Amino acid sequence: MKASPEAQLRLLELAEIDTELGRLEHRRRGLPEHAEHERVENRQAQVRDELAALEAQESDLAREQSKAEGDVDQVRVRAGRDQERLDAGQVSSPRELENLQSEIASLARRQSALEEVVLDVMERRESVQRRIGELTREQTDLAREREQVGTRRGTATADIDEQAGKARAARTSVAAAVPDDLLGLYDRLRAQHGVGAAALKHGRCEGCHLSLNTVDLGRIRAAAPDEVLRCEECQRILVRTPESGL
């Protein structure tokens, strides 16, 4: 392939710009705000799941408390009714009196046991409600943190986009001065090796950083200035410069 020395030198400009574009893309992918945002989102999902489970549990406990309180009320009403009969002297038979007193005592024990159940349910429900309150506050904090991280990420991304836009505009301008066949070869090599062209400086390929042997240097020295050369080691386009050491 033939191309003017000026066109070949343009490839070094392209390589520098492409390296800068790659650096900017690497910087974009590596923004710490990405990891922060993901961490906050993951925690938000955990909080949502835990809140949903706790709210369902709180609802179950509310029903359990209501039922237990209803049971207490039923026993209390029955015990009150029996006590009224006893106090009114409505029971004359000694055996019936004994049975009534026994039932009142049994109901008192039953009421005490049910009140313990109510107390236990209330304590468990209050514990769940406290945790719901904590998670709700954390949820608010996480939403605020996510917004702040998103703002920082947006600012950083916009700055990178601005720099990348300038670099792409410069690339378009430089690429316009490179023949299509040479540009096509450069782009194919860049896709394969990351860098499509490298300078020959002081007898060394700046792409693979290996020094060329005497035979290769002799071949390059003898090549026409418009001959497009390739590095034997890395296969990149090898561009001769005033610092090539030829």
Protein backbone atom coordinates (compact mmCIF):
# COMPACT_ATOMS: atom_id res chain seq x y z
CA MET A 1 0.00 0.00 0.00
CA LYS A 2 1.20 3.50 -0.85
CA ALA A 3 0.45 6.75 0.99
CA SER A 4 2.25 10.04 1.30
CA PRO A 5 4.49 10.53 4.34
CA GLU A 6 2.17 13.35 5.40
CA ALA A 7 -0.85 11.04 5.34
CA GLN A 8 1.05 8.42 7.33
CA LEU A 9 2.00 11.00 9.95
CA ARG A 10 -1.67 11.82 10.26
CA LEU A 11 -2.17 8.26 11.53
CA LEU A 12 -0.11 9.13 14.60
CA GLU A 13 -2.48 12.01 15.29
CA LEU A 14 -5.40 9.63 14.89
CA ALA A 15 -3.77 7.12 17.24
CA GLU A 16 -3.27 9.81 19.86
CA ILE A 17 -6.88 10.95 19.56
CA ASP A 18 -8.17 7.36 19.67
CA THR A 19 -6.08 6.74 22.77
CA GLU A 20 -7.65 9.80 24.37
CA LEU A 21 -11.13 8.62 23.41
CA GLY A 22 -10.36 5.22 24.91
CA ARG A 23 -9.11 6.87 28.09
CA LEU A 24 -12.27 8.94 28.35
CA GLU A 25 -14.47 5.88 27.83
CA HIS A 26 -12.49 4.02 30.49
CA ARG A 27 -12.92 6.98 32.81
CA ARG A 28 -16.67 7.02 32.10
CA ARG A 29 -17.05 3.32 32.90
CA GLY A 30 -14.90 3.67 36.02
CA LEU A 31 -16.67 6.64 37.57
CA PRO A 32 -16.96 5.92 41.32
CA GLU A 33 -20.51 7.26 41.16
CA HIS A 34 -21.52 4.13 39.20
CA ALA A 35 -20.55 1.90 42.13
CA GLU A 36 -22.14 4.31 44.61
CA HIS A 37 -25.36 4.41 42.63
CA GLU A 38 -25.46 0.61 42.39
CA ARG A 39 -24.81 0.28 46.13
CA VAL A 40 -27.65 2.67 46.95
CA GLU A 41 -30.03 0.93 44.51
CA ASN A 42 -29.20 -2.48 46.00
CA ARG A 43 -29.81 -1.19 49.51
CA GLN A 44 -33.07 0.41 48.39
CA ALA A 45 -34.22 -2.95 47.03
CA GLN A 46 -33.29 -4.65 50.31
CA VAL A 47 -35.17 -2.01 52.31
CA ARG A 48 -38.25 -2.32 50.07
CA ASP A 49 -38.28 -6.09 50.48
CA GLU A 50 -37.81 -5.91 54.24
CA LEU A 51 -40.47 -3.21 54.58
CA ALA A 52 -42.96 -5.25 52.55
CA ALA A 53 -42.35 -8.28 54.78
CA LEU A 54 -42.60 -6.21 57.97
CA GLU A 55 -45.77 -4.44 56.87
CA ALA A 56 -47.37 -7.80 56.14
CA GLN A 57 -46.20 -9.02 59.55
CA GLU A 58 -47.53 -5.88 61.25
CA SER A 59 -50.89 -6.42 59.57
CA ASP A 60 -50.99 -10.02 60.79
CA LEU A 61 -50.07 -8.93 64.31
CA ALA A 62 -52.76 -6.25 64.25
CA ARG A 63 -55.36 -8.91 63.45
CA GLU A 64 -53.89 -11.22 66.10
CA GLN A 65 -54.01 -8.41 68.68
CA SER A 66 -57.58 -7.54 67.77
CA LYS A 67 -58.66 -11.17 68.14
CA ALA A 68 -56.82 -11.57 71.46
CA GLU A 69 -58.40 -8.38 72.80
CA GLY A 70 -61.79 -9.65 71.64
CA ASP A 71 -61.21 -12.90 73.52
CA VAL A 72 -60.32 -10.92 76.65
CA ASP A 73 -63.48 -8.84 76.32
CA GLN A 74 -65.63 -11.96 75.95
CA VAL A 75 -64.15 -13.52 79.09
CA ARG A 76 -64.43 -10.23 80.97
CA VAL A 77 -68.12 -9.85 80.03
CA ARG A 78 -68.89 -13.41 81.04
CA ALA A 79 -67.01 -13.05 84.32
CA GLY A 80 -68.82 -9.78 85.02
CA ARG A 81 -72.16 -11.38 84.37
CA ASP A 82 -71.36 -14.24 86.76
CA GLN A 83 -70.14 -11.80 89.40
CA GLU A 84 -73.35 -9.81 89.13
CA ARG A 85 -75.38 -12.98 89.74
CA LEU A 86 -73.21 -13.79 92.72
CA ASP A 87 -73.42 -10.28 94.16
CA ALA A 88 -77.20 -10.13 93.63
CA GLY A 89 -77.67 -13.32 95.59
CA GLN A 90 -79.42 -14.98 92.68
CA VAL A 91 -77.83 -18.35 93.48
CA SER A 92 -79.30 -20.16 96.48
CA SER A 93 -78.11 -23.73 95.99
CA PRO A 94 -74.77 -24.39 97.69
CA ARG A 95 -73.61 -26.57 94.82
CA GLU A 96 -74.63 -24.01 92.22
CA LEU A 97 -72.90 -21.34 94.29
CA GLU A 98 -69.75 -23.43 94.41
CA ASN A 99 -69.87 -23.99 90.65
CA LEU A 100 -70.38 -20.29 90.00
CA GLN A 101 -67.46 -19.30 92.22
CA SER A 102 -65.30 -21.92 90.52
CA GLU A 103 -66.28 -20.60 87.09
CA ILE A 104 -65.49 -17.01 88.15
CA ALA A 105 -62.05 -18.12 89.34
CA SER A 106 -61.49 -20.08 86.12
CA LEU A 107 -62.52 -17.08 84.02
CA ALA A 108 -60.15 -14.87 85.99
CA ARG A 109 -57.28 -17.23 85.19
CA ARG A 110 -58.38 -17.39 81.57
CA GLN A 111 -58.56 -13.60 81.39
CA SER A 112 -55.08 -13.27 82.87
CA ALA A 113 -53.67 -15.74 80.36
CA LEU A 114 -55.36 -13.95 77.46
CA GLU A 115 -54.08 -10.58 78.68
CA GLU A 116 -50.56 -12.04 78.61
CA VAL A 117 -51.19 -13.04 75.01
CA VAL A 118 -52.36 -9.50 74.21
CA LEU A 119 -49.28 -8.04 75.90
CA ASP A 120 -46.95 -10.37 74.00
CA VAL A 121 -48.58 -9.51 70.66
CA MET A 122 -48.46 -5.79 71.44
CA GLU A 123 -44.75 -5.99 72.28
CA ARG A 124 -43.99 -7.88 69.06
CA ARG A 125 -46.10 -5.43 67.07
CA GLU A 126 -44.36 -2.43 68.64
CA SER A 127 -40.97 -3.96 67.78
CA VAL A 128 -42.07 -4.42 64.17
CA GLN A 129 -43.44 -0.87 64.05
CA ARG A 130 -40.14 0.52 65.36
CA ARG A 131 -38.25 -1.35 62.66
CA ILE A 132 -40.70 -0.10 60.03
CA GLY A 133 -40.04 3.43 61.26
CA GLU A 134 -36.27 2.93 61.04
CA LEU A 135 -36.47 1.53 57.53
CA THR A 136 -38.85 4.25 56.39
CA ARG A 137 -36.37 6.89 57.55
CA GLU A 138 -33.54 5.00 55.86
CA GLN A 139 -35.62 4.82 52.70
CA THR A 140 -35.94 8.61 52.72
CA ASP A 141 -32.20 9.00 53.30
CA LEU A 142 -31.41 6.56 50.48
CA ALA A 143 -33.65 8.42 48.05
CA ARG A 144 -31.85 11.65 48.87
CA GLU A 145 -28.44 9.97 48.57
CA ARG A 146 -29.38 8.42 45.24
CA GLU A 147 -30.42 11.81 43.91
CA GLN A 148 -27.14 13.36 45.06
CA VAL A 149 -25.07 10.56 43.53
CA GLY A 150 -27.07 10.82 40.31
CA THR A 151 -26.38 14.54 40.14
CA ARG A 152 -22.65 14.02 40.66
CA ARG A 153 -22.60 11.25 38.08
CA GLY A 154 -24.48 13.41 35.60
CA THR A 155 -22.01 16.26 36.06
CA ALA A 156 -19.00 13.96 35.64
CA THR A 157 -20.54 12.27 32.60
CA ALA A 158 -21.35 15.61 30.99
CA ASP A 159 -17.74 16.72 31.42
CA ILE A 160 -16.49 13.50 29.82
CA ASP A 161 -19.03 13.85 27.00
CA GLU A 162 -17.80 17.37 26.30
CA GLN A 163 -14.19 16.25 26.10
CA ALA A 164 -15.09 13.22 23.99
CA GLY A 165 -17.13 15.40 21.64
CA LYS A 166 -14.14 17.66 21.03
CA ALA A 167 -11.90 14.65 20.48
CA ARG A 168 -14.34 13.09 17.99
CA ALA A 169 -14.57 16.37 16.10
CA ALA A 170 -10.77 16.52 15.93
CA ARG A 171 -10.66 12.90 14.76
CA THR A 172 -13.12 13.62 11.97
CA SER A 173 -10.95 16.51 10.80
CA VAL A 174 -7.74 14.47 10.89
CA ALA A 175 -9.34 11.39 9.28
CA ALA A 176 -10.53 13.51 6.35
CA ALA A 177 -6.88 14.01 5.37
CA VAL A 178 -6.14 10.24 5.32
CA PRO A 179 -6.82 8.20 2.16
CA ASP A 180 -9.74 5.81 2.52
CA ASP A 181 -7.69 2.63 1.98
CA LEU A 182 -5.10 3.68 4.57
CA LEU A 183 -7.79 4.74 7.02
CA GLY A 184 -9.59 1.42 6.53
CA LEU A 185 -6.40 -0.52 7.27
CA TYR A 186 -5.73 1.63 10.32
CA ASP A 187 -9.25 1.08 11.70
CA ARG A 188 -9.05 -2.69 11.16
CA LEU A 189 -5.72 -2.87 12.99
CA ARG A 190 -7.02 -0.64 15.74
CA ALA A 191 -9.98 -3.00 16.24
CA GLN A 192 -7.58 -5.94 16.49
CA HIS A 193 -4.76 -4.42 18.55
CA GLY A 194 -6.25 -1.37 20.24
CA VAL A 195 -3.78 0.89 18.41
CA GLY A 196 -3.63 0.92 14.62
CA ALA A 197 -0.41 2.81 14.02
CA ALA A 198 2.77 3.52 15.93
CA ALA A 199 5.81 5.67 15.39
CA LEU A 200 9.28 4.31 14.75
CA LYS A 201 11.54 6.18 17.19
CA HIS A 202 15.22 5.52 17.66
CA GLY A 203 14.89 2.16 16.02
CA ARG A 204 12.03 1.04 18.27
CA CYS A 205 8.33 0.47 17.51
CA GLU A 206 6.32 2.60 19.91
CA GLY A 207 3.40 0.16 19.60
CA CYS A 208 5.01 -2.99 20.98
CA HIS A 209 8.07 -1.19 22.43
CA LEU A 210 10.49 -3.61 20.80
CA SER A 211 13.69 -2.52 19.10
CA LEU A 212 14.03 -3.56 15.48
CA ASN A 213 17.01 -5.64 14.38
CA THR A 214 19.56 -4.47 11.86
CA VAL A 215 17.96 -6.36 8.99
CA ASP A 216 14.52 -4.83 9.58
CA LEU A 217 15.99 -1.36 9.97
CA GLY A 218 17.86 -1.84 6.72
CA ARG A 219 14.65 -2.88 4.96
CA ILE A 220 12.84 0.18 6.29
CA ARG A 221 15.72 2.45 5.36
CA ALA A 222 15.57 1.17 1.80
CA ALA A 223 11.79 1.49 1.47
CA ALA A 224 10.27 4.35 -0.51
CA PRO A 225 8.95 7.22 1.62
CA ASP A 226 5.38 6.53 0.46
CA GLU A 227 5.55 2.80 1.26
CA VAL A 228 3.21 1.87 4.12
CA LEU A 229 5.23 -0.30 6.46
CA ARG A 230 4.16 -2.73 9.17
CA CYS A 231 5.92 -3.77 12.35
CA GLU A 232 6.98 -7.40 12.03
CA GLU A 233 6.24 -8.01 15.71
CA CYS A 234 2.87 -6.33 16.36
CA GLN A 235 1.64 -5.82 12.77
CA ARG A 236 0.71 -2.19 13.40
CA ILE A 237 1.36 0.40 10.74
CA LEU A 238 4.89 1.65 11.40
CA VAL A 239 5.20 5.37 10.71
CA ARG A 240 8.60 6.86 10.09
CA THR A 241 9.40 10.15 11.79
CA PRO A 242 12.44 12.42 11.96
CA GLU A 243 13.29 10.60 15.21
CA SER A 244 13.22 7.13 13.66
CA GLY A 245 16.98 6.75 13.83
CA LEU A 246 17.32 5.74 10.22
